[in-house]
Amino acid sequence: MFITVYRTIILYIIVIISVRLMGKRQIGEMQPGELVVTLLISDIAAMPLQDTNQPVLFGVAAIFTLVTLEILMSVIELKSFFMRKLISGKSVILIKDGTIDQKELKKVRMTVLDLVEMLRNQQVFDLSTVSFAVLETGGNLSVLLKSKSQPVTAGDLNVKKGSAELPLPVISDGKLLSESLAALGITRKEVLNRLSSEKLKPSQVMLMTLDSNGNTNIVKKAV
């Protein structure tokens, strides 16, 4: 009896520490690798509890090995866009300029009914009001409504709305994203010229977003 309680307390603490080391994502926001590690940790933690003959240390070692691998892969993903795409996939635009991209819908193996259900979860009940819908790597759907369907803000009282456009990240952690440049139809030189006007280099930029209207948002790296 005492041994079971003792093992449970130790494994409980170890699992809590492991989850904290992996970050604060909810289950629905986890990347594939994080979800796999979480499921494996739960199985490994249960084994010493079910079999008292198995040393707790074996379970603890296996759990920390998995967490170490997950942290290592996260670091690799931060340094390599190729590895990030390979492991976590990439965001997919399912609705562009109000039109459903049926090819992309088939690639992610979703039906129109699945898309409508995800839109309802975002409090969007009329498909015709959607300008852009992006399926994120975590499985969530990000939605940008058309201008006429967006809620009025204080700024709208003085500023007339233009057409709704989707801002895309063109620089992430100092690196230019070729896919975003291609989607916006701009060149690397144009982005560099925009940075030059701000007296910035790509290496000084943590995030830069740009939309088809030319609206730019730049977040500098912390010094």
C-alpha atoms as a PDB file:
ATOM      1  CA  MET A   1       0.000   0.000   0.000  1.00  0.00           C
ATOM      2  CA  PHE A   2       2.710   2.484   1.058  1.00  0.00           C
ATOM      3  CA  ILE A   3       4.827   1.544  -1.979  1.00  0.00           C
ATOM      4  CA  THR A   4       1.945   2.319  -4.376  1.00  0.00           C
ATOM      5  CA  VAL A   5       1.344   5.733  -2.757  1.00  0.00           C
ATOM      6  CA  TYR A   6       5.074   6.479  -2.807  1.00  0.00           C
ATOM      7  CA  ARG A   7       5.385   5.569  -6.502  1.00  0.00           C
ATOM      8  CA  THR A   8       2.286   7.577  -7.405  1.00  0.00           C
ATOM      9  CA  ILE A   9       3.585  10.734  -5.693  1.00  0.00           C
ATOM     10  CA  ILE A  10       6.990  10.463  -7.392  1.00  0.00           C
ATOM     11  CA  LEU A  11       5.538   9.853 -10.864  1.00  0.00           C
ATOM     12  CA  TYR A  12       2.946  12.609 -10.383  1.00  0.00           C
ATOM     13  CA  ILE A  13       5.699  15.126  -9.622  1.00  0.00           C
ATOM     14  CA  ILE A  14       7.837  13.891 -12.513  1.00  0.00           C
ATOM     15  CA  VAL A  15       4.961  14.136 -15.014  1.00  0.00           C
ATOM     16  CA  ILE A  16       4.065  17.665 -13.826  1.00  0.00           C
ATOM     17  CA  ILE A  17       7.690  18.765 -14.241  1.00  0.00           C
ATOM     18  CA  SER A  18       7.865  17.147 -17.682  1.00  0.00           C
ATOM     19  CA  VAL A  19       4.707  18.869 -18.925  1.00  0.00           C
ATOM     20  CA  ARG A  20       5.936  22.210 -17.572  1.00  0.00           C
ATOM     21  CA  LEU A  21       9.237  21.786 -19.408  1.00  0.00           C
ATOM     22  CA  MET A  22       7.365  21.140 -22.657  1.00  0.00           C
ATOM     23  CA  GLY A  23       5.379  24.391 -22.378  1.00  0.00           C
ATOM     24  CA  LYS A  24       1.831  25.530 -21.689  1.00  0.00           C
ATOM     25  CA  ARG A  25      -0.036  24.410 -24.798  1.00  0.00           C
ATOM     26  CA  GLN A  26      -3.485  22.897 -24.480  1.00  0.00           C
ATOM     27  CA  ILE A  27      -4.133  19.479 -26.028  1.00  0.00           C
ATOM     28  CA  GLY A  28      -5.856  21.019 -29.064  1.00  0.00           C
ATOM     29  CA  GLU A  29      -2.925  23.378 -29.677  1.00  0.00           C
ATOM     30  CA  MET A  30      -0.154  20.759 -29.552  1.00  0.00           C
ATOM     31  CA  GLN A  31       2.032  19.980 -32.521  1.00  0.00           C
ATOM     32  CA  PRO A  32       2.120  16.299 -33.624  1.00  0.00           C
ATOM     33  CA  GLY A  33       5.439  15.645 -31.865  1.00  0.00           C
ATOM     34  CA  GLU A  34       4.242  17.200 -28.605  1.00  0.00           C
ATOM     35  CA  LEU A  35       1.034  15.165 -28.646  1.00  0.00           C
ATOM     36  CA  VAL A  36       2.943  11.908 -29.262  1.00  0.00           C
ATOM     37  CA  VAL A  37       5.343  12.648 -26.382  1.00  0.00           C
ATOM     38  CA  THR A  38       2.435  13.500 -24.056  1.00  0.00           C
ATOM     39  CA  LEU A  39       0.671  10.217 -24.849  1.00  0.00           C
ATOM     40  CA  LEU A  40       3.884   8.236 -24.383  1.00  0.00           C
ATOM     41  CA  ILE A  41       4.577   9.917 -21.041  1.00  0.00           C
ATOM     42  CA  SER A  42       1.123   8.965 -19.760  1.00  0.00           C
ATOM     43  CA  ASP A  43       1.663   5.321 -20.792  1.00  0.00           C
ATOM     44  CA  ILE A  44       5.177   5.142 -19.319  1.00  0.00           C
ATOM     45  CA  ALA A  45       4.042   6.730 -16.051  1.00  0.00           C
ATOM     46  CA  ALA A  46       1.283   4.118 -15.709  1.00  0.00           C
ATOM     47  CA  MET A  47       3.618   1.135 -16.114  1.00  0.00           C
ATOM     48  CA  PRO A  48       5.440   1.374 -12.728  1.00  0.00           C
ATOM     49  CA  LEU A  49       2.074   1.894 -11.016  1.00  0.00           C
ATOM     50  CA  GLN A  50       0.620  -1.264 -12.537  1.00  0.00           C
ATOM     51  CA  ASP A  51       3.736  -3.369 -11.987  1.00  0.00           C
ATOM     52  CA  THR A  52       5.327  -2.773  -8.571  1.00  0.00           C
ATOM     53  CA  ASN A  53       8.220  -5.056  -9.522  1.00  0.00           C
ATOM     54  CA  GLN A  54       9.375  -2.550 -12.133  1.00  0.00           C
ATOM     55  CA  PRO A  55      11.778   0.098 -10.744  1.00  0.00           C
ATOM     56  CA  VAL A  56      10.372   3.629 -10.730  1.00  0.00           C
ATOM     57  CA  LEU A  57      13.751   4.877 -11.929  1.00  0.00           C
ATOM     58  CA  PHE A  58      13.232   3.171 -15.308  1.00  0.00           C
ATOM     59  CA  GLY A  59      10.011   5.099 -15.842  1.00  0.00           C
ATOM     60  CA  VAL A  60      11.573   8.381 -14.730  1.00  0.00           C
ATOM     61  CA  ALA A  61      14.550   7.867 -17.067  1.00  0.00           C
ATOM     62  CA  ALA A  62      12.241   7.107 -20.016  1.00  0.00           C
ATOM     63  CA  ILE A  63      10.078  10.170 -19.318  1.00  0.00           C
ATOM     64  CA  PHE A  64      13.026  12.566 -19.109  1.00  0.00           C
ATOM     65  CA  THR A  65      14.518  11.032 -22.264  1.00  0.00           C
ATOM     66  CA  LEU A  66      11.299  11.791 -24.154  1.00  0.00           C
ATOM     67  CA  VAL A  67      11.143  15.336 -22.771  1.00  0.00           C
ATOM     68  CA  THR A  68      14.783  15.941 -23.693  1.00  0.00           C
ATOM     69  CA  LEU A  69      14.135  14.721 -27.242  1.00  0.00           C
ATOM     70  CA  GLU A  70      11.072  16.968 -27.514  1.00  0.00           C
ATOM     71  CA  ILE A  71      13.011  20.029 -26.319  1.00  0.00           C
ATOM     72  CA  LEU A  72      15.869  19.179 -28.699  1.00  0.00           C
ATOM     73  CA  MET A  73      13.472  18.865 -31.644  1.00  0.00           C
ATOM     74  CA  SER A  74      11.869  22.195 -30.696  1.00  0.00           C
ATOM     75  CA  VAL A  75      15.278  23.878 -30.826  1.00  0.00           C
ATOM     76  CA  ILE A  76      15.991  22.271 -34.219  1.00  0.00           C
ATOM     77  CA  GLU A  77      12.624  23.499 -35.527  1.00  0.00           C
ATOM     78  CA  LEU A  78      13.474  27.032 -34.389  1.00  0.00           C
ATOM     79  CA  LYS A  79      16.694  26.926 -36.403  1.00  0.00           C
ATOM     80  CA  SER A  80      15.404  25.091 -39.498  1.00  0.00           C
ATOM     81  CA  PHE A  81      12.211  25.903 -41.418  1.00  0.00           C
ATOM     82  CA  PHE A  82      12.632  22.663 -43.369  1.00  0.00           C
ATOM     83  CA  MET A  83      12.565  20.579 -40.163  1.00  0.00           C
ATOM     84  CA  ARG A  84       9.620  22.575 -38.825  1.00  0.00           C
ATOM     85  CA  LYS A  85       7.657  21.901 -41.990  1.00  0.00           C
ATOM     86  CA  LEU A  86       8.691  18.235 -41.960  1.00  0.00           C
ATOM     87  CA  ILE A  87       7.723  17.635 -38.324  1.00  0.00           C
ATOM     88  CA  SER A  88       4.865  20.063 -37.700  1.00  0.00           C
ATOM     89  CA  GLY A  89       3.587  20.715 -41.220  1.00  0.00           C
ATOM     90  CA  LYS A  90       2.523  24.161 -42.390  1.00  0.00           C
ATOM     91  CA  SER A  91      -0.548  26.373 -42.295  1.00  0.00           C
ATOM     92  CA  VAL A  92      -3.019  25.888 -45.154  1.00  0.00           C
ATOM     93  CA  ILE A  93      -5.320  28.570 -46.615  1.00  0.00           C
ATOM     94  CA  LEU A  94      -8.730  26.894 -47.055  1.00  0.00           C
ATOM     95  CA  ILE A  95     -10.659  30.035 -48.001  1.00  0.00           C
ATOM     96  CA  LYS A  96      -9.007  32.776 -50.051  1.00  0.00           C
ATOM     97  CA  ASP A  97     -10.781  35.976 -51.100  1.00  0.00           C
ATOM     98  CA  GLY A  98     -14.081  34.392 -50.064  1.00  0.00           C
ATOM     99  CA  THR A  99     -13.592  31.283 -52.240  1.00  0.00           C
ATOM    100  CA  ILE A 100     -13.085  27.784 -50.824  1.00  0.00           C
ATOM    101  CA  ASP A 101      -9.897  26.164 -52.115  1.00  0.00           C
ATOM    102  CA  GLN A 102     -11.214  22.687 -52.849  1.00  0.00           C
ATOM    103  CA  LYS A 103      -7.771  21.282 -53.720  1.00  0.00           C
ATOM    104  CA  GLU A 104      -6.332  22.300 -50.358  1.00  0.00           C
ATOM    105  CA  LEU A 105      -9.445  20.973 -48.656  1.00  0.00           C
ATOM    106  CA  LYS A 106      -8.816  17.557 -50.210  1.00  0.00           C
ATOM    107  CA  LYS A 107      -5.115  17.658 -49.271  1.00  0.00           C
ATOM    108  CA  VAL A 108      -5.953  18.038 -45.583  1.00  0.00           C
ATOM    109  CA  ARG A 109      -8.714  15.408 -45.950  1.00  0.00           C
ATOM    110  CA  MET A 110     -11.533  17.688 -44.839  1.00  0.00           C
ATOM    111  CA  THR A 111     -15.067  17.937 -46.148  1.00  0.00           C
ATOM    112  CA  VAL A 112     -17.015  21.164 -46.577  1.00  0.00           C
ATOM    113  CA  LEU A 113     -19.134  20.099 -43.602  1.00  0.00           C
ATOM    114  CA  ASP A 114     -15.970  19.849 -41.482  1.00  0.00           C
ATOM    115  CA  LEU A 115     -15.017  23.371 -42.575  1.00  0.00           C
ATOM    116  CA  VAL A 116     -18.496  24.721 -41.783  1.00  0.00           C
ATOM    117  CA  GLU A 117     -18.353  23.123 -38.339  1.00  0.00           C
ATOM    118  CA  MET A 118     -14.967  24.700 -37.605  1.00  0.00           C
ATOM    119  CA  LEU A 119     -16.316  28.083 -38.744  1.00  0.00           C
ATOM    120  CA  ARG A 120     -19.258  27.712 -36.362  1.00  0.00           C
ATOM    121  CA  ASN A 121     -16.763  27.099 -33.548  1.00  0.00           C
ATOM    122  CA  GLN A 122     -15.345  30.524 -34.448  1.00  0.00           C
ATOM    123  CA  GLN A 123     -18.849  32.056 -34.203  1.00  0.00           C
ATOM    124  CA  VAL A 124     -19.067  32.353 -37.995  1.00  0.00           C
ATOM    125  CA  PHE A 125     -22.379  31.002 -39.285  1.00  0.00           C
ATOM    126  CA  ASP A 126     -22.454  32.531 -42.768  1.00  0.00           C
ATOM    127  CA  LEU A 127     -19.771  31.270 -45.172  1.00  0.00           C
ATOM    128  CA  SER A 128     -20.273  34.270 -47.445  1.00  0.00           C
ATOM    129  CA  THR A 129     -18.922  36.612 -44.746  1.00  0.00           C
ATOM    130  CA  VAL A 130     -15.481  34.933 -44.707  1.00  0.00           C
ATOM    131  CA  SER A 131     -12.593  36.525 -46.607  1.00  0.00           C
ATOM    132  CA  PHE A 132      -9.809  34.172 -45.448  1.00  0.00           C
ATOM    133  CA  ALA A 133      -9.717  30.979 -43.382  1.00  0.00           C
ATOM    134  CA  VAL A 134      -6.399  29.371 -42.447  1.00  0.00           C
ATOM    135  CA  LEU A 135      -5.959  25.902 -40.970  1.00  0.00           C
ATOM    136  CA  GLU A 136      -3.061  26.240 -38.538  1.00  0.00           C
ATOM    137  CA  THR A 137      -0.506  23.522 -37.802  1.00  0.00           C
ATOM    138  CA  GLY A 138      -2.136  22.897 -34.415  1.00  0.00           C
ATOM    139  CA  GLY A 139      -5.456  22.076 -36.093  1.00  0.00           C
ATOM    140  CA  ASN A 140      -7.187  25.354 -35.231  1.00  0.00           C
ATOM    141  CA  LEU A 141      -8.948  27.511 -37.831  1.00  0.00           C
ATOM    142  CA  SER A 142      -8.092  31.217 -38.042  1.00  0.00           C
ATOM    143  CA  VAL A 143     -10.747  33.343 -39.733  1.00  0.00           C
ATOM    144  CA  LEU A 144     -10.663  36.832 -41.255  1.00  0.00           C
ATOM    145  CA  LEU A 145     -14.094  38.248 -42.059  1.00  0.00           C
ATOM    146  CA  LYS A 146     -14.865  40.467 -45.033  1.00  0.00           C
ATOM    147  CA  SER A 147     -14.736  44.202 -44.322  1.00  0.00           C
ATOM    148  CA  LYS A 148     -18.494  44.654 -44.271  1.00  0.00           C
ATOM    149  CA  SER A 149     -18.901  41.789 -41.807  1.00  0.00           C
ATOM    150  CA  GLN A 150     -16.223  42.859 -39.341  1.00  0.00           C
ATOM    151  CA  PRO A 151     -17.366  44.455 -36.080  1.00  0.00           C
ATOM    152  CA  VAL A 152     -17.107  48.232 -35.949  1.00  0.00           C
ATOM    153  CA  THR A 153     -14.242  49.625 -33.882  1.00  0.00           C
ATOM    154  CA  ALA A 154     -13.498  53.116 -32.619  1.00  0.00           C
ATOM    155  CA  GLY A 155     -11.058  53.646 -35.481  1.00  0.00           C
ATOM    156  CA  ASP A 156     -13.783  52.914 -38.031  1.00  0.00           C
ATOM    157  CA  LEU A 157     -15.642  56.011 -36.959  1.00  0.00           C
ATOM    158  CA  ASN A 158     -12.980  58.120 -38.670  1.00  0.00           C
ATOM    159  CA  VAL A 159     -11.346  55.659 -41.056  1.00  0.00           C
ATOM    160  CA  LYS A 160     -13.134  54.000 -43.929  1.00  0.00           C
ATOM    161  CA  LYS A 161     -12.447  50.286 -44.232  1.00  0.00           C
ATOM    162  CA  GLY A 162     -10.570  48.990 -47.254  1.00  0.00           C
ATOM    163  CA  SER A 163     -10.811  45.470 -48.595  1.00  0.00           C
ATOM    164  CA  ALA A 164      -9.892  42.753 -46.106  1.00  0.00           C
ATOM    165  CA  GLU A 165      -6.466  41.263 -46.730  1.00  0.00           C
ATOM    166  CA  LEU A 166      -4.584  38.506 -44.942  1.00  0.00           C
ATOM    167  CA  PRO A 167      -1.266  39.612 -43.387  1.00  0.00           C
ATOM    168  CA  LEU A 168       1.414  36.989 -44.013  1.00  0.00           C
ATOM    169  CA  PRO A 169       4.724  36.628 -42.167  1.00  0.00           C
ATOM    170  CA  VAL A 170       7.518  37.486 -44.616  1.00  0.00           C
ATOM    171  CA  ILE A 171      10.357  37.467 -42.066  1.00  0.00           C
ATOM    172  CA  SER A 172      10.578  35.187 -39.043  1.00  0.00           C
ATOM    173  CA  ASP A 173      13.536  35.332 -36.674  1.00  0.00           C
ATOM    174  CA  GLY A 174      15.636  37.180 -39.254  1.00  0.00           C
ATOM    175  CA  LYS A 175      14.885  34.783 -42.125  1.00  0.00           C
ATOM    176  CA  LEU A 176      12.831  35.591 -45.236  1.00  0.00           C
ATOM    177  CA  LEU A 177       9.977  33.183 -45.934  1.00  0.00           C
ATOM    178  CA  SER A 178       9.934  32.350 -49.631  1.00  0.00           C
ATOM    179  CA  GLU A 179       6.421  30.830 -49.531  1.00  0.00           C
ATOM    180  CA  SER A 180       4.900  34.033 -48.156  1.00  0.00           C
ATOM    181  CA  LEU A 181       6.774  36.134 -50.730  1.00  0.00           C
ATOM    182  CA  ALA A 182       5.398  33.953 -53.515  1.00  0.00           C
ATOM    183  CA  ALA A 183       1.847  34.143 -52.123  1.00  0.00           C
ATOM    184  CA  LEU A 184       2.026  37.956 -51.985  1.00  0.00           C
ATOM    185  CA  GLY A 185       3.744  38.216 -55.362  1.00  0.00           C
ATOM    186  CA  ILE A 186       6.680  40.254 -54.081  1.00  0.00           C
ATOM    187  CA  THR A 187      10.443  39.795 -54.290  1.00  0.00           C
ATOM    188  CA  ARG A 188      13.130  39.610 -51.646  1.00  0.00           C
ATOM    189  CA  LYS A 189      14.481  42.925 -52.931  1.00  0.00           C
ATOM    190  CA  GLU A 190      11.158  44.674 -52.262  1.00  0.00           C
ATOM    191  CA  VAL A 191      11.127  43.405 -48.682  1.00  0.00           C
ATOM    192  CA  LEU A 192      14.740  44.474 -48.165  1.00  0.00           C
ATOM    193  CA  ASN A 193      13.908  47.919 -49.553  1.00  0.00           C
ATOM    194  CA  ARG A 194      11.078  48.243 -47.020  1.00  0.00           C
ATOM    195  CA  LEU A 195      13.483  47.315 -44.257  1.00  0.00           C
ATOM    196  CA  SER A 196      16.076  49.789 -45.557  1.00  0.00           C
ATOM    197  CA  SER A 197      13.522  52.583 -45.313  1.00  0.00           C
ATOM    198  CA  GLU A 198      13.172  51.672 -41.633  1.00  0.00           C
ATOM    199  CA  LYS A 199      16.975  51.439 -41.301  1.00  0.00           C
ATOM    200  CA  LEU A 200      16.742  47.766 -40.427  1.00  0.00           C
ATOM    201  CA  LYS A 201      18.378  44.532 -41.555  1.00  0.00           C
ATOM    202  CA  PRO A 202      16.611  41.130 -41.649  1.00  0.00           C
ATOM    203  CA  SER A 203      18.817  39.931 -38.792  1.00  0.00           C
ATOM    204  CA  GLN A 204      17.332  42.683 -36.589  1.00  0.00           C
ATOM    205  CA  VAL A 205      13.729  41.596 -37.214  1.00  0.00           C
ATOM    206  CA  MET A 206      11.893  39.010 -35.109  1.00  0.00           C
ATOM    207  CA  LEU A 207       8.689  39.187 -37.194  1.00  0.00           C
ATOM    208  CA  MET A 208       7.567  41.144 -40.230  1.00  0.00           C
ATOM    209  CA  THR A 209       4.104  40.765 -41.730  1.00  0.00           C
ATOM    210  CA  LEU A 210       2.827  42.169 -45.014  1.00  0.00           C
ATOM    211  CA  ASP A 211      -0.505  42.082 -46.828  1.00  0.00           C
ATOM    212  CA  SER A 212      -1.560  42.678 -50.433  1.00  0.00           C
ATOM    213  CA  ASN A 213      -2.424  46.298 -49.655  1.00  0.00           C
ATOM    214  CA  GLY A 214       1.169  46.928 -48.634  1.00  0.00           C
ATOM    215  CA  ASN A 215       0.425  47.257 -44.929  1.00  0.00           C
ATOM    216  CA  THR A 216       3.493  46.291 -42.912  1.00  0.00           C
ATOM    217  CA  ASN A 217       4.030  45.391 -39.296  1.00  0.00           C
ATOM    218  CA  ILE A 218       7.555  44.913 -37.923  1.00  0.00           C
ATOM    219  CA  VAL A 219       8.575  43.498 -34.561  1.00  0.00           C
ATOM    220  CA  LYS A 220      12.241  44.110 -33.794  1.00  0.00           C
ATOM    221  CA  LYS A 221      14.434  41.630 -31.984  1.00  0.00           C
ATOM    222  CA  ALA A 222      15.153  42.433 -28.371  1.00  0.00           C
ATOM    223  CA  VAL A 223      18.614  43.854 -27.878  1.00  0.00           C
END
